[in-house]
Amino acid sequence: MPWTVPSRPSRRSLLAGAVGVVGAAALTGCSDDRPAAGEGGIPLERRMREAAVRDSARLLERYDATAAAHPALAARLAPLRAAVAAHSGALAAAAGSPSPSASRSGGTGAAAPAPGGEPVPPKAEEALTALADAERSLSQARTIDLAGAPGELARLLASVAACGAVHAYLLTSTPGATS
C-alpha cells in the first residue's frame, strides 16, 4: 500500500507542536519577570495582556456571529467558545481589564457580520473553516508574542496558543471520526 500524505495533522503532530510551544515558553519564561515600561509608562506585560484580551474579544464575536448565522452549529461551537472566554478571563485577570462575557449576547437570530465587517460565509462548512482560520491566525500571533513576553505571561500565551491550534483542528475535523 503506497504511503499518502494525510490531509489534516495527526493528533501526535498537534501534541508535538503544543509541546514545542510550551518548551519555547519555558525558555522565554526564564527571563527577568520585571515588565518593561513603554508608551505612557504602561508596563509591557499589561499592554500585551490588554492586546490579548482585545484579540480574544474579537474571536468571541466571530464565534457569536457564526453561531447566529448557523444555529445548527451552536452546540458544536459552545465548548470552544467557552474555552476562548475562559482564556480571555485568565489574560484579563492580571491586566485589570474586564474580560468579554462568557455568555452569549441575546439577539434576534439574524446573521451578524464577523469582526471587521466580514460576513459569515453562507455555508456551514465554509463558516467553520473561516472560524478555524481565525483561531489558527490568533494562535500563530500569540506564539510570535512569546518572544517578548515576561515569564508568566509567556507561559499563559503558550498555553492559549496551543489550545487555539487544537480548536482550529477541531473546527475542521469531522465530528465523531476516529483517527
Protein backbone atom coordinates (compact mmCIF):
# COMPACT_ATOMS: atom_id res chain seq x y z
CA MET A 1 0.00 0.00 0.00
CA PRO A 2 1.58 3.33 -1.01
CA TRP A 3 2.04 5.96 1.65
CA THR A 4 -0.04 9.13 1.22
CA VAL A 5 0.29 12.45 2.94
CA PRO A 6 -2.59 12.98 5.41
CA SER A 7 -4.81 15.95 4.63
CA ARG A 8 -5.02 17.01 8.28
CA PRO A 9 -2.41 16.97 11.02
CA SER A 10 -2.43 13.90 13.24
CA ARG A 11 -3.04 14.07 16.96
CA ARG A 12 0.62 13.28 17.51
CA SER A 13 1.76 16.20 15.38
CA LEU A 14 -0.62 18.54 17.21
CA LEU A 15 0.68 17.35 20.56
CA ALA A 16 4.27 17.65 19.36
CA GLY A 17 3.55 21.22 18.25
CA ALA A 18 1.94 22.03 21.58
CA VAL A 19 4.95 20.61 23.44
CA GLY A 20 7.22 22.76 21.26
CA VAL A 21 5.21 25.88 22.08
CA VAL A 22 5.29 25.10 25.79
CA GLY A 23 9.03 24.43 25.57
CA ALA A 24 9.58 27.78 23.89
CA ALA A 25 7.52 29.41 26.61
CA ALA A 26 9.57 27.74 29.31
CA LEU A 27 12.75 29.07 27.77
CA THR A 28 11.24 32.53 27.42
CA GLY A 29 9.91 32.29 30.97
CA CYS A 30 13.44 32.14 32.35
CA SER A 31 13.88 35.84 31.76
CA ASP A 32 13.53 38.73 34.17
CA ASP A 33 9.92 38.98 35.36
CA ARG A 34 10.05 42.77 35.72
CA PRO A 35 7.84 44.27 32.99
CA ALA A 36 9.46 47.00 30.96
CA ALA A 37 7.86 50.41 30.89
CA GLY A 38 6.81 51.55 27.46
CA GLU A 39 4.42 54.00 25.94
CA GLY A 40 2.96 56.29 28.57
CA GLY A 41 4.64 54.37 31.39
CA ILE A 42 2.30 51.38 30.97
CA PRO A 43 4.20 48.16 31.72
CA LEU A 44 4.89 45.87 28.75
CA GLU A 45 3.08 42.94 30.34
CA ARG A 46 -0.09 44.96 30.87
CA ARG A 47 -0.06 46.23 27.27
CA MET A 48 0.46 42.69 25.99
CA ARG A 49 -2.34 41.30 28.17
CA GLU A 50 -4.76 44.04 27.12
CA ALA A 51 -3.99 43.38 23.45
CA ALA A 52 -4.53 39.64 24.01
CA VAL A 53 -7.88 40.34 25.72
CA ARG A 54 -8.97 42.52 22.75
CA ASP A 55 -7.97 39.75 20.33
CA SER A 56 -9.96 37.23 22.36
CA ALA A 57 -12.98 39.54 22.36
CA ARG A 58 -12.85 39.71 18.56
CA LEU A 59 -12.62 35.92 18.39
CA LEU A 60 -15.63 35.60 20.72
CA GLU A 61 -17.56 37.97 18.43
CA ARG A 62 -16.65 35.72 15.49
CA TYR A 63 -17.94 32.66 17.38
CA ASP A 64 -21.19 34.50 18.18
CA ALA A 65 -21.65 35.67 14.59
CA THR A 66 -21.05 32.15 13.27
CA ALA A 67 -23.49 30.60 15.74
CA ALA A 68 -26.10 33.25 14.88
CA ALA A 69 -25.68 32.67 11.14
CA HIS A 70 -25.68 28.86 11.52
CA PRO A 71 -27.80 27.85 14.54
CA ALA A 72 -27.20 24.16 13.79
CA LEU A 73 -23.51 24.72 14.67
CA ALA A 74 -24.22 26.40 18.02
CA ALA A 75 -23.89 23.21 20.11
CA ARG A 76 -20.61 22.28 18.39
CA LEU A 77 -19.19 25.78 18.89
CA ALA A 78 -20.32 26.26 22.50
CA PRO A 79 -17.46 24.42 24.27
CA LEU A 80 -14.81 26.03 22.08
CA ARG A 81 -16.32 29.48 22.63
CA ALA A 82 -16.43 28.84 26.39
CA ALA A 83 -12.72 27.98 26.33
CA VAL A 84 -11.93 31.21 24.45
CA ALA A 85 -13.94 33.16 27.06
CA ALA A 86 -12.01 31.41 29.86
CA HIS A 87 -8.69 32.27 28.18
CA SER A 88 -9.79 35.88 27.93
CA GLY A 89 -10.66 35.89 31.61
CA ALA A 90 -7.26 34.47 32.54
CA LEU A 91 -5.48 37.03 30.38
CA ALA A 92 -7.58 39.87 31.78
CA ALA A 93 -7.17 38.89 35.43
CA ALA A 94 -3.72 40.39 35.89
CA ALA A 95 -4.23 43.20 33.39
CA GLY A 96 -7.09 44.68 35.39
CA SER A 97 -9.25 44.60 32.26
CA PRO A 98 -12.80 43.38 32.15
CA SER A 99 -12.98 40.12 30.21
CA PRO A 100 -15.51 39.59 27.45
CA SER A 101 -18.68 37.93 28.66
CA ALA A 102 -18.68 34.17 28.78
CA SER A 103 -22.39 34.16 27.98
CA ARG A 104 -23.85 34.73 24.59
CA SER A 105 -25.41 38.05 23.92
CA GLY A 106 -29.08 37.90 23.16
CA GLY A 107 -30.23 38.58 19.68
CA THR A 108 -32.78 38.12 17.01
CA GLY A 109 -31.02 35.16 15.45
CA ALA A 110 -30.13 37.17 12.37
CA ALA A 111 -26.69 36.61 10.92
CA ALA A 112 -24.34 39.18 12.35
CA PRO A 113 -21.20 40.13 10.49
CA ALA A 114 -17.96 38.79 11.86
CA PRO A 115 -15.47 41.28 13.35
CA GLY A 116 -14.12 43.71 10.79
CA GLY A 117 -17.45 43.72 8.93
CA GLU A 118 -16.75 40.39 7.22
CA PRO A 119 -19.96 38.45 6.72
CA VAL A 120 -20.09 34.90 7.98
CA PRO A 121 -19.87 32.52 4.99
CA PRO A 122 -23.29 31.21 3.96
CA LYS A 123 -22.33 27.52 4.03
CA ALA A 124 -21.75 25.94 7.43
CA GLU A 125 -18.56 24.16 6.31
CA GLU A 126 -17.10 27.43 5.00
CA ALA A 127 -18.09 29.21 8.22
CA LEU A 128 -16.23 26.58 10.27
CA THR A 129 -13.19 26.94 8.02
CA ALA A 130 -13.25 30.74 8.45
CA LEU A 131 -13.50 30.32 12.22
CA ALA A 132 -10.64 27.79 12.17
CA ASP A 133 -8.55 30.26 10.15
CA ALA A 134 -9.22 32.95 12.79
CA GLU A 135 -8.21 30.54 15.59
CA ARG A 136 -5.07 29.49 13.68
CA SER A 137 -4.08 33.09 12.94
CA LEU A 138 -4.51 34.17 16.56
CA SER A 139 -2.62 31.09 17.76
CA GLN A 140 0.29 31.95 15.47
CA ALA A 141 0.28 35.59 16.61
CA ARG A 142 0.36 34.53 20.25
CA THR A 143 3.22 32.14 19.55
CA ILE A 144 5.19 35.02 18.00
CA ASP A 145 4.40 37.22 21.02
CA LEU A 146 6.07 34.66 23.30
CA ALA A 147 9.50 36.02 22.40
CA GLY A 148 8.83 39.40 24.00
CA ALA A 149 6.55 38.36 26.84
CA PRO A 150 7.58 38.32 30.51
CA GLY A 151 7.79 34.87 32.15
CA GLU A 152 4.30 34.12 33.49
CA LEU A 153 2.56 35.82 30.56
CA ALA A 154 4.72 33.83 28.13
CA ARG A 155 3.60 30.59 29.77
CA LEU A 156 -0.05 31.66 29.59
CA LEU A 157 0.27 32.76 25.94
CA ALA A 158 1.89 29.41 25.08
CA SER A 159 -0.97 27.52 26.65
CA VAL A 160 -3.62 29.64 24.94
CA ALA A 161 -1.80 29.41 21.59
CA ALA A 162 -1.65 25.61 21.84
CA CYS A 163 -5.35 25.48 22.69
CA GLY A 164 -6.13 27.73 19.70
CA ALA A 165 -4.25 25.33 17.41
CA VAL A 166 -6.32 22.45 18.75
CA HIS A 167 -9.51 24.49 18.24
CA ALA A 168 -8.53 25.08 14.61
CA TYR A 169 -8.08 21.35 14.15
CA LEU A 170 -11.38 20.51 15.85
CA LEU A 171 -13.26 23.06 13.76
CA THR A 172 -12.10 21.48 10.53
CA SER A 173 -12.23 17.80 11.56
CA THR A 174 -15.22 15.59 11.06
CA PRO A 175 -17.16 15.19 14.32
CA GLY A 176 -17.24 11.59 15.51
CA ALA A 177 -14.49 10.47 13.14
CA THR A 178 -11.61 8.44 14.51
CA SER A 179 -8.00 8.87 13.53
